[in-house]
Amino acid sequence: MANPFQGNVLRHEPVLIQGLVQAILGVILAFGVDLTNEQVGSIMAVTAVVLAILVRMFVTPVAPVPPAGETL
């Protein structure tokens, strides 16, 4: 069985990286920075959108998908 973390982790597990970035950011904001709840929520929302766009780029097929029952 191949190691799933061999090579480019971002290309193989983009959602894992997204969750990890947001979790680390949440811990930093909770314990290391004095911000209001609104500021923390805004930062988390912006990172969620940016990371979701990046994840979509990595998981969207680049080749056209044929309709059901047809082959390329």
Protein backbone atom coordinates (compact mmCIF):
# COMPACT_ATOMS: atom_id res chain seq x y z
CA MET A 1 0.00 0.00 0.00
CA ALA A 2 1.36 3.40 -0.97
CA ASN A 3 2.03 6.04 1.64
CA PRO A 4 -0.70 8.71 1.24
CA PHE A 5 1.67 11.37 2.54
CA GLN A 6 4.45 10.60 0.08
CA GLY A 7 5.09 13.41 -2.40
CA ASN A 8 2.93 16.52 -2.46
CA VAL A 9 0.56 16.30 0.52
CA LEU A 10 -1.45 19.32 -0.64
CA ARG A 11 -2.23 17.62 -3.94
CA HIS A 12 -3.23 14.32 -2.29
CA GLU A 13 -5.01 15.58 0.85
CA PRO A 14 -6.14 19.20 0.33
CA VAL A 15 -9.07 18.95 2.77
CA LEU A 16 -6.75 17.63 5.48
CA ILE A 17 -4.50 20.65 5.01
CA GLN A 18 -7.51 22.98 5.08
CA GLY A 19 -8.70 21.52 8.39
CA LEU A 20 -5.21 21.63 9.86
CA VAL A 21 -4.69 25.27 8.90
CA GLN A 22 -8.02 26.29 10.39
CA ALA A 23 -7.43 24.29 13.57
CA ILE A 24 -4.00 25.83 14.10
CA LEU A 25 -5.36 29.29 13.34
CA GLY A 26 -8.18 28.73 15.83
CA VAL A 27 -5.74 27.75 18.59
CA ILE A 28 -3.50 30.74 17.86
CA LEU A 29 -6.47 33.09 17.93
CA ALA A 30 -7.90 31.52 21.08
CA PHE A 31 -4.72 31.51 23.15
CA GLY A 32 -2.21 33.84 21.57
CA VAL A 33 -4.01 36.94 20.30
CA ASP A 34 -6.39 39.28 22.06
CA LEU A 35 -9.20 39.76 19.52
CA THR A 36 -12.96 40.15 19.79
CA ASN A 37 -15.30 37.30 18.86
CA GLU A 38 -16.31 39.20 15.72
CA GLN A 39 -12.70 39.55 14.60
CA VAL A 40 -11.99 35.87 15.19
CA GLY A 41 -15.15 34.90 13.29
CA SER A 42 -14.20 37.15 10.39
CA ILE A 43 -10.69 35.73 10.18
CA MET A 44 -12.02 32.16 10.27
CA ALA A 45 -14.63 32.95 7.58
CA VAL A 46 -12.05 34.49 5.24
CA THR A 47 -9.63 31.59 5.70
CA ALA A 48 -12.48 29.11 5.07
CA VAL A 49 -13.33 30.80 1.77
CA VAL A 50 -9.72 31.09 0.59
CA LEU A 51 -8.89 27.52 1.55
CA ALA A 52 -12.12 26.21 -0.03
CA ILE A 53 -11.16 27.86 -3.32
CA LEU A 54 -7.70 26.28 -3.15
CA VAL A 55 -9.16 22.87 -2.28
CA ARG A 56 -11.57 23.10 -5.21
CA MET A 57 -8.68 23.73 -7.59
CA PHE A 58 -7.03 20.50 -6.42
CA VAL A 59 -10.10 18.24 -6.49
CA THR A 60 -11.90 19.48 -9.64
CA PRO A 61 -11.29 17.19 -12.63
CA VAL A 62 -9.31 18.82 -15.42
CA ALA A 63 -10.55 16.45 -18.13
CA PRO A 64 -14.14 16.62 -19.40
CA VAL A 65 -16.39 14.02 -17.83
CA PRO A 66 -18.53 12.16 -20.38
CA PRO A 67 -22.26 11.77 -19.80
CA ALA A 68 -23.42 8.54 -18.18
CA GLY A 69 -23.10 5.57 -20.51
CA GLU A 70 -20.65 7.25 -22.92
CA THR A 71 -16.89 6.92 -23.16
CA LEU A 72 -14.29 9.40 -24.31
